[in-house]
Amino acid sequence: MNTAIKEKIIQVCNDKIAKKGDNVGLSFYAFFKNKNDNPKLLMEVATWWIETNKLDHFEKAVKIKQMILEA
């Protein structure tokens, strides 16, 4: 994944954690607008989430943030 989407993922995770605490879960859709204006990037993130890492539909934001920081 490119740097811009990684930064977006970390930002969204930080926002969700700040608002709802460390137990907040999210799906990869949280990183995109409701309008699918970049299907290639959506598929790239979905592939990373589902195929590469075999994550559940909802995962803890702290876990996703840590995974991105370590990638």
PDB file of N, CA and C in Angstrom:
ATOM      1  N   MET A   1       0.837  -1.179   0.000  1.00  0.00           N
ATOM      2  CA  MET A   1       0.000   0.000   0.000  1.00  0.00           C
ATOM      3  C   MET A   1       0.881   1.241   0.000  1.00  0.00           C
ATOM      4  N   ASN A   2       0.372   2.293  -0.609  1.00  0.00           N
ATOM      5  CA  ASN A   2       1.158   3.513  -0.678  1.00  0.00           C
ATOM      6  C   ASN A   2       1.126   4.268   0.657  1.00  0.00           C
ATOM      7  N   THR A   3       2.021   5.210   0.770  1.00  0.00           N
ATOM      8  CA  THR A   3       2.168   5.980   2.004  1.00  0.00           C
ATOM      9  C   THR A   3       0.903   6.750   2.352  1.00  0.00           C
ATOM     10  N   ALA A   4       0.239   7.305   1.354  1.00  0.00           N
ATOM     11  CA  ALA A   4      -0.957   8.109   1.615  1.00  0.00           C
ATOM     12  C   ALA A   4      -2.056   7.282   2.278  1.00  0.00           C
ATOM     13  N   ILE A   5      -2.310   6.083   1.791  1.00  0.00           N
ATOM     14  CA  ILE A   5      -3.372   5.268   2.393  1.00  0.00           C
ATOM     15  C   ILE A   5      -2.947   4.772   3.768  1.00  0.00           C
ATOM     16  N   LYS A   6      -1.674   4.482   3.950  1.00  0.00           N
ATOM     17  CA  LYS A   6      -1.199   4.086   5.276  1.00  0.00           C
ATOM     18  C   LYS A   6      -1.424   5.208   6.285  1.00  0.00           C
ATOM     19  N   GLU A   7      -1.119   6.431   5.879  1.00  0.00           N
ATOM     20  CA  GLU A   7      -1.336   7.584   6.758  1.00  0.00           C
ATOM     21  C   GLU A   7      -2.824   7.768   7.048  1.00  0.00           C
ATOM     22  N   LYS A   8      -3.664   7.565   6.040  1.00  0.00           N
ATOM     23  CA  LYS A   8      -5.113   7.667   6.216  1.00  0.00           C
ATOM     24  C   LYS A   8      -5.611   6.610   7.198  1.00  0.00           C
ATOM     25  N   ILE A   9      -5.126   5.379   7.074  1.00  0.00           N
ATOM     26  CA  ILE A   9      -5.522   4.300   7.968  1.00  0.00           C
ATOM     27  C   ILE A   9      -5.147   4.646   9.408  1.00  0.00           C
ATOM     28  N   ILE A  10      -3.936   5.111   9.617  1.00  0.00           N
ATOM     29  CA  ILE A  10      -3.482   5.488  10.966  1.00  0.00           C
ATOM     30  C   ILE A  10      -4.333   6.631  11.510  1.00  0.00           C
ATOM     31  N   GLN A  11      -4.637   7.623  10.678  1.00  0.00           N
ATOM     32  CA  GLN A  11      -5.473   8.750  11.096  1.00  0.00           C
ATOM     33  C   GLN A  11      -6.866   8.289  11.514  1.00  0.00           C
ATOM     34  N   VAL A  12      -7.480   7.438  10.709  1.00  0.00           N
ATOM     35  CA  VAL A  12      -8.826   6.936  11.021  1.00  0.00           C
ATOM     36  C   VAL A  12      -8.789   6.126  12.315  1.00  0.00           C
ATOM     37  N   CYS A  13      -7.781   5.260  12.456  1.00  0.00           N
ATOM     38  CA  CYS A  13      -7.651   4.472  13.684  1.00  0.00           C
ATOM     39  C   CYS A  13      -7.497   5.384  14.896  1.00  0.00           C
ATOM     40  N   ASN A  14      -6.635   6.384  14.797  1.00  0.00           N
ATOM     41  CA  ASN A  14      -6.440   7.322  15.908  1.00  0.00           C
ATOM     42  C   ASN A  14      -7.733   8.039  16.269  1.00  0.00           C
ATOM     43  N   ASP A  15      -8.473   8.491  15.248  1.00  0.00           N
ATOM     44  CA  ASP A  15      -9.743   9.181  15.492  1.00  0.00           C
ATOM     45  C   ASP A  15     -10.748   8.273  16.188  1.00  0.00           C
ATOM     46  N   LYS A  16     -10.885   7.045  15.699  1.00  0.00           N
ATOM     47  CA  LYS A  16     -11.845   6.100  16.290  1.00  0.00           C
ATOM     48  C   LYS A  16     -11.463   5.759  17.732  1.00  0.00           C
ATOM     49  N   ILE A  17     -10.170   5.531  17.967  1.00  0.00           N
ATOM     50  CA  ILE A  17      -9.687   5.206  19.317  1.00  0.00           C
ATOM     51  C   ILE A  17      -9.945   6.378  20.257  1.00  0.00           C
ATOM     52  N   ALA A  18      -9.671   7.599  19.795  1.00  0.00           N
ATOM     53  CA  ALA A  18      -9.874   8.789  20.631  1.00  0.00           C
ATOM     54  C   ALA A  18     -11.345   8.961  20.998  1.00  0.00           C
ATOM     55  N   LYS A  19     -12.247   8.653  20.066  1.00  0.00           N
ATOM     56  CA  LYS A  19     -13.675   8.847  20.301  1.00  0.00           C
ATOM     57  C   LYS A  19     -14.317   7.714  21.085  1.00  0.00           C
ATOM     58  N   LYS A  20     -13.863   6.471  20.849  1.00  0.00           N
ATOM     59  CA  LYS A  20     -14.578   5.325  21.406  1.00  0.00           C
ATOM     60  C   LYS A  20     -13.736   4.385  22.262  1.00  0.00           C
ATOM     61  N   GLY A  21     -12.430   4.662  22.389  1.00  0.00           N
ATOM     62  CA  GLY A  21     -11.580   3.844  23.245  1.00  0.00           C
ATOM     63  C   GLY A  21     -10.858   2.731  22.507  1.00  0.00           C
ATOM     64  N   ASP A  22     -10.011   2.022  23.251  1.00  0.00           N
ATOM     65  CA  ASP A  22      -9.135   0.997  22.678  1.00  0.00           C
ATOM     66  C   ASP A  22      -9.864  -0.227  22.143  1.00  0.00           C
ATOM     67  N   ASN A  23     -11.097  -0.441  22.545  1.00  0.00           N
ATOM     68  CA  ASN A  23     -11.834  -1.623  22.092  1.00  0.00           C
ATOM     69  C   ASN A  23     -12.633  -1.394  20.815  1.00  0.00           C
ATOM     70  N   VAL A  24     -12.545  -0.210  20.243  1.00  0.00           N
ATOM     71  CA  VAL A  24     -13.328   0.090  19.041  1.00  0.00           C
ATOM     72  C   VAL A  24     -12.853  -0.768  17.866  1.00  0.00           C
ATOM     73  N   GLY A  25     -13.830  -1.293  17.143  1.00  0.00           N
ATOM     74  CA  GLY A  25     -13.540  -2.079  15.953  1.00  0.00           C
ATOM     75  C   GLY A  25     -13.912  -1.314  14.709  1.00  0.00           C
ATOM     76  N   LEU A  26     -13.315  -1.716  13.603  1.00  0.00           N
ATOM     77  CA  LEU A  26     -13.641  -1.112  12.319  1.00  0.00           C
ATOM     78  C   LEU A  26     -13.372  -2.099  11.203  1.00  0.00           C
ATOM     79  N   SER A  27     -13.907  -1.792  10.033  1.00  0.00           N
ATOM     80  CA  SER A  27     -13.648  -2.601   8.852  1.00  0.00           C
ATOM     81  C   SER A  27     -12.822  -1.765   7.887  1.00  0.00           C
ATOM     82  N   PHE A  28     -12.338  -2.386   6.828  1.00  0.00           N
ATOM     83  CA  PHE A  28     -11.522  -1.631   5.876  1.00  0.00           C
ATOM     84  C   PHE A  28     -12.332  -0.559   5.160  1.00  0.00           C
ATOM     85  N   TYR A  29     -13.648  -0.667   5.160  1.00  0.00           N
ATOM     86  CA  TYR A  29     -14.493   0.364   4.554  1.00  0.00           C
ATOM     87  C   TYR A  29     -14.380   1.696   5.294  1.00  0.00           C
ATOM     88  N   ALA A  30     -13.939   1.685   6.536  1.00  0.00           N
ATOM     89  CA  ALA A  30     -13.827   2.919   7.328  1.00  0.00           C
ATOM     90  C   ALA A  30     -12.833   3.903   6.731  1.00  0.00           C
ATOM     91  N   PHE A  31     -11.959   3.422   5.854  1.00  0.00           N
ATOM     92  CA  PHE A  31     -10.908   4.270   5.294  1.00  0.00           C
ATOM     93  C   PHE A  31     -11.322   4.935   3.987  1.00  0.00           C
ATOM     94  N   PHE A  32     -12.566   4.705   3.571  1.00  0.00           N
ATOM     95  CA  PHE A  32     -13.043   5.214   2.295  1.00  0.00           C
ATOM     96  C   PHE A  32     -14.357   5.950   2.464  1.00  0.00           C
ATOM     97  N   LYS A  33     -14.640   6.848   1.530  1.00  0.00           N
ATOM     98  CA  LYS A  33     -15.917   7.546   1.493  1.00  0.00           C
ATOM     99  C   LYS A  33     -16.987   6.553   1.061  1.00  0.00           C
ATOM    100  N   ASN A  34     -18.241   6.880   1.317  1.00  0.00           N
ATOM    101  CA  ASN A  34     -19.332   6.018   0.881  1.00  0.00           C
ATOM    102  C   ASN A  34     -19.365   5.876  -0.632  1.00  0.00           C
ATOM    103  N   LYS A  35     -18.895   6.886  -1.338  1.00  0.00           N
ATOM    104  CA  LYS A  35     -18.824   6.827  -2.786  1.00  0.00           C
ATOM    105  C   LYS A  35     -17.494   6.177  -3.174  1.00  0.00           C
ATOM    106  N   ASN A  36     -17.566   5.120  -3.944  1.00  0.00           N
ATOM    107  CA  ASN A  36     -16.361   4.403  -4.347  1.00  0.00           C
ATOM    108  C   ASN A  36     -15.693   5.127  -5.510  1.00  0.00           C
ATOM    109  N   ASP A  37     -14.846   6.107  -5.179  1.00  0.00           N
ATOM    110  CA  ASP A  37     -14.197   6.899  -6.217  1.00  0.00           C
ATOM    111  C   ASP A  37     -12.796   6.401  -6.556  1.00  0.00           C
ATOM    112  N   ASN A  38     -12.334   5.362  -5.879  1.00  0.00           N
ATOM    113  CA  ASN A  38     -11.021   4.795  -6.188  1.00  0.00           C
ATOM    114  C   ASN A  38     -11.073   3.275  -6.000  1.00  0.00           C
ATOM    115  N   PRO A  39     -11.714   2.575  -6.926  1.00  0.00           N
ATOM    116  CA  PRO A  39     -11.891   1.132  -6.758  1.00  0.00           C
ATOM    117  C   PRO A  39     -10.580   0.348  -6.699  1.00  0.00           C
ATOM    118  N   LYS A  40      -9.557   0.814  -7.400  1.00  0.00           N
ATOM    119  CA  LYS A  40      -8.267   0.121  -7.379  1.00  0.00           C
ATOM    120  C   LYS A  40      -7.669   0.144  -5.969  1.00  0.00           C
ATOM    121  N   LEU A  41      -7.706   1.295  -5.317  1.00  0.00           N
ATOM    122  CA  LEU A  41      -7.169   1.413  -3.963  1.00  0.00           C
ATOM    123  C   LEU A  41      -8.017   0.620  -2.971  1.00  0.00           C
ATOM    124  N   LEU A  42      -9.327   0.672  -3.141  1.00  0.00           N
ATOM    125  CA  LEU A  42     -10.216  -0.111  -2.286  1.00  0.00           C
ATOM    126  C   LEU A  42      -9.879  -1.594  -2.380  1.00  0.00           C
ATOM    127  N   MET A  43      -9.664  -2.088  -3.583  1.00  0.00           N
ATOM    128  CA  MET A  43      -9.320  -3.497  -3.766  1.00  0.00           C
ATOM    129  C   MET A  43      -7.944  -3.820  -3.186  1.00  0.00           C
ATOM    130  N   GLU A  44      -7.026  -2.891  -3.274  1.00  0.00           N
ATOM    131  CA  GLU A  44      -5.694  -3.096  -2.700  1.00  0.00           C
ATOM    132  C   GLU A  44      -5.781  -3.250  -1.177  1.00  0.00           C
ATOM    133  N   VAL A  45      -6.541  -2.380  -0.538  1.00  0.00           N
ATOM    134  CA  VAL A  45      -6.710  -2.458   0.914  1.00  0.00           C
ATOM    135  C   VAL A  45      -7.508  -3.708   1.289  1.00  0.00           C
ATOM    136  N   ALA A  46      -8.544  -4.018   0.514  1.00  0.00           N
ATOM    137  CA  ALA A  46      -9.342  -5.217   0.778  1.00  0.00           C
ATOM    138  C   ALA A  46      -8.491  -6.472   0.656  1.00  0.00           C
ATOM    139  N   THR A  47      -7.628  -6.520  -0.337  1.00  0.00           N
ATOM    140  CA  THR A  47      -6.732  -7.667  -0.518  1.00  0.00           C
ATOM    141  C   THR A  47      -5.782  -7.788   0.665  1.00  0.00           C
ATOM    142  N   TRP A  48      -5.228  -6.673   1.106  1.00  0.00           N
ATOM    143  CA  TRP A  48      -4.324  -6.673   2.270  1.00  0.00           C
ATOM    144  C   TRP A  48      -5.065  -7.181   3.501  1.00  0.00           C
ATOM    145  N   TRP A  49      -6.290  -6.718   3.675  1.00  0.00           N
ATOM    146  CA  TRP A  49      -7.099  -7.049   4.852  1.00  0.00           C
ATOM    147  C   TRP A  49      -7.547  -8.504   4.824  1.00  0.00           C
ATOM    148  N   ILE A  50      -8.139  -8.931   3.701  1.00  0.00           N
ATOM    149  CA  ILE A  50      -8.797 -10.231   3.623  1.00  0.00           C
ATOM    150  C   ILE A  50      -7.845 -11.360   3.226  1.00  0.00           C
ATOM    151  N   GLU A  51      -7.144 -11.192   2.121  1.00  0.00           N
ATOM    152  CA  GLU A  51      -6.306 -12.282   1.613  1.00  0.00           C
ATOM    153  C   GLU A  51      -4.943 -12.353   2.292  1.00  0.00           C
ATOM    154  N   THR A  52      -4.269 -11.219   2.393  1.00  0.00           N
ATOM    155  CA  THR A  52      -2.912 -11.224   2.944  1.00  0.00           C
ATOM    156  C   THR A  52      -2.895 -11.517   4.436  1.00  0.00           C
ATOM    157  N   ASN A  53      -3.756 -10.830   5.185  1.00  0.00           N
ATOM    158  CA  ASN A  53      -3.724 -10.939   6.644  1.00  0.00           C
ATOM    159  C   ASN A  53      -4.848 -11.772   7.241  1.00  0.00           C
ATOM    160  N   LYS A  54      -5.799 -12.191   6.401  1.00  0.00           N
ATOM    161  CA  LYS A  54      -6.908 -13.057   6.837  1.00  0.00           C
ATOM    162  C   LYS A  54      -7.623 -12.497   8.072  1.00  0.00           C
ATOM    163  N   LEU A  55      -7.897 -11.187   8.027  1.00  0.00           N
ATOM    164  CA  LEU A  55      -8.561 -10.519   9.131  1.00  0.00           C
ATOM    165  C   LEU A  55     -10.071 -10.717   9.042  1.00  0.00           C
ATOM    166  N   ASP A  56     -10.742 -10.646  10.174  1.00  0.00           N
ATOM    167  CA  ASP A  56     -12.193 -10.683  10.228  1.00  0.00           C
ATOM    168  C   ASP A  56     -12.735  -9.373   9.652  1.00  0.00           C
ATOM    169  N   HIS A  57     -14.054  -9.364   9.416  1.00  0.00           N
ATOM    170  CA  HIS A  57     -14.668  -8.154   8.860  1.00  0.00           C
ATOM    171  C   HIS A  57     -14.407  -6.948   9.759  1.00  0.00           C
ATOM    172  N   PHE A  58     -14.600  -7.116  11.065  1.00  0.00           N
ATOM    173  CA  PHE A  58     -14.297  -6.048  12.019  1.00  0.00           C
ATOM    174  C   PHE A  58     -13.093  -6.463  12.853  1.00  0.00           C
ATOM    175  N   GLU A  59     -12.159  -5.536  12.999  1.00  0.00           N
ATOM    176  CA  GLU A  59     -10.964  -5.747  13.826  1.00  0.00           C
ATOM    177  C   GLU A  59     -10.766  -4.514  14.702  1.00  0.00           C
ATOM    178  N   LYS A  60     -10.042  -4.692  15.780  1.00  0.00           N
ATOM    179  CA  LYS A  60      -9.750  -3.581  16.684  1.00  0.00           C
ATOM    180  C   LYS A  60      -8.856  -2.560  15.966  1.00  0.00           C
ATOM    181  N   ALA A  61      -9.199  -1.300  16.126  1.00  0.00           N
ATOM    182  CA  ALA A  61      -8.431  -0.226  15.497  1.00  0.00           C
ATOM    183  C   ALA A  61      -6.980  -0.229  15.972  1.00  0.00           C
ATOM    184  N   VAL A  62      -6.751  -0.545  17.254  1.00  0.00           N
ATOM    185  CA  VAL A  62      -5.367  -0.563  17.760  1.00  0.00           C
ATOM    186  C   VAL A  62      -4.548  -1.645  17.052  1.00  0.00           C
ATOM    187  N   LYS A  63      -5.165  -2.760  16.730  1.00  0.00           N
ATOM    188  CA  LYS A  63      -4.476  -3.845  16.030  1.00  0.00           C
ATOM    189  C   LYS A  63      -4.105  -3.418  14.609  1.00  0.00           C
ATOM    190  N   ILE A  64      -5.050  -2.816  13.900  1.00  0.00           N
ATOM    191  CA  ILE A  64      -4.802  -2.380  12.519  1.00  0.00           C
ATOM    192  C   ILE A  64      -3.719  -1.315  12.497  1.00  0.00           C
ATOM    193  N   LYS A  65      -3.811  -0.355  13.415  1.00  0.00           N
ATOM    194  CA  LYS A  65      -2.800   0.700  13.482  1.00  0.00           C
ATOM    195  C   LYS A  65      -1.412   0.099  13.686  1.00  0.00           C
ATOM    196  N   GLN A  66      -1.290  -0.838  14.604  1.00  0.00           N
ATOM    197  CA  GLN A  66      -0.004  -1.467  14.877  1.00  0.00           C
ATOM    198  C   GLN A  66       0.515  -2.219  13.655  1.00  0.00           C
ATOM    199  N   MET A  67      -0.358  -2.923  12.973  1.00  0.00           N
ATOM    200  CA  MET A  67       0.041  -3.654  11.772  1.00  0.00           C
ATOM    201  C   MET A  67       0.576  -2.718  10.700  1.00  0.00           C
ATOM    202  N   ILE A  68      -0.083  -1.577  10.517  1.00  0.00           N
ATOM    203  CA  ILE A  68       0.364  -0.604   9.512  1.00  0.00           C
ATOM    204  C   ILE A  68       1.701  -0.004   9.920  1.00  0.00           C
ATOM    205  N   LEU A  69       1.869   0.314  11.188  1.00  0.00           N
ATOM    206  CA  LEU A  69       3.124   0.891  11.665  1.00  0.00           C
ATOM    207  C   LEU A  69       4.288  -0.085  11.514  1.00  0.00           C
ATOM    208  N   GLU A  70       4.006  -1.365  11.625  1.00  0.00           N
ATOM    209  CA  GLU A  70       5.060  -2.385  11.505  1.00  0.00           C
ATOM    210  C   GLU A  70       5.338  -2.797  10.069  1.00  0.00           C
ATOM    211  N   ALA A  71       4.455  -2.412   9.160  1.00  0.00           N
ATOM    212  CA  ALA A  71       4.606  -2.823   7.739  1.00  0.00           C
ATOM    213  C   ALA A  71       5.679  -2.031   7.035  1.00  0.00           C
TER     214      ALA A  71
END
